[in-house]
């Protein structure tokens, strides 16, 4: 018995030194986490107008109750950002945990549950922001609370940023923080939205970590012609000119080009795929096979088609005002998502050559997210993310991924921060259900959300505590 006791004490001492001895009751902490997410959802922070300061007030109160100080930064008093920090010993650089507090608007009549109710039903939490991005806000909040509550010894500062304006108005959020208060959030690594787990047959078998994203570089095509009566055909009909230009742009097969993230993604996908898909993933850069593979991706899984190229997608057309009038002008928007290393002006030149019509003017949208190189997949943070995922989920495959959408990690990556997108796990049925981010009846599984909080906690403990 004495030997057993000594072994137990030795093990406990070792675990304490390794900062792994926190006896967290995840059932209790899970309920606490869900409670915060529900209350955050119940704050309507639809953008526009935002009203993110109401969310900040809630977060401030929770943090203050735990003895954690916070500071607010606001370009607009109704749209504040919050920064909280738990200090380490300074031997390593900080980690930034970031989540945005605004959400997109809703068509409430399309929902079966009230979009700002945060109702819990059949194991799910319903509400706008449950997946984008109040889950990340609540998870970041809980990490800070637990670090303080358990008096965790840190060799890095942990910074929590609850930022405004991600849904289209970054000037009040991340741009304001980067341009005017960078010292408050400067870090070596950042964790934010953009990744996910995938559940197959009741278990998480894929965890994707967003390491880069495409650049939104939209343009408006403006076609000009001679107006007239609809009963008289014209060769310079602006509507016809625009239609031809849009058709050419949409049919354009842009250059296939991989980066370290997408190349590793396809390599790892090949290891977990059936033979036909394995062949495709292993041959995405094979000139003899690429045309057939690209067409297959386009028809069956367009995400794979998109991450290999700068994509051009027509989304809006505006022409005419009466059925019997030929208008003098017609316009269309092309949603262009460029690869991180794309030459922007050079690509617009190629687009003009593809359209090949001097009657069509290409008008670029103002740039609101900067270009930034992909984050590394062989550094301490990515390795920690991978190790934690494999510890939590046996036989999981971790995939670095490039997002086809855009996040505010672009701004912090442009400042040299290595940033990684993470998120909760979902089944394929959920992913394709329409109940996801920006969808009607947006919802998150309660158990998946609690596991996400646990994942974030484990990552911070692994990478930010001494004697791991």
Foldseek 3Di string as FASTA:
>chain_A
DVVVVVVVVVVCVLCVQLLNPDPDDLVVLLVVLLVLLLVLLLDAQAPVVGQLVVVVVVLQVLCVVLVWHKDWDWPPNSFIKIKTKDAAPQPAWAEEQEAESYFHDDPQVVFPDRQSRLDQDPQWGWHTCQFRPSLSVSLLSSLSSVCSVVVAHWNYMYMYMHFYDFPPGCVGTPVCCVVPPVVRGDTQEYEYADWEFADDPRFTAETEKEQAAFFWKKKKKKFFFDKDWQVDDDPRQQVVLQVLLQVLQQPDQFDFADDPQLLQQLCLVLVVDDPVSVVLSVCCPPPVCNVVSLVCCVVPPVVNNPNRFWHWAWDDKAADDDPTMRDRMIMTMIGTTGDLPDPVVVVVVVSCVSSVDPSMDIGIDDGDFDRADGADCPDDLNVLLVVLVCVVGPNHGYHHDYHHDDGSVRVVRRVVHRYMHGGFYDYPCVVPVQLDRPGHRPMDRSVRSSVVSVSVSSSCSNPTHPPD
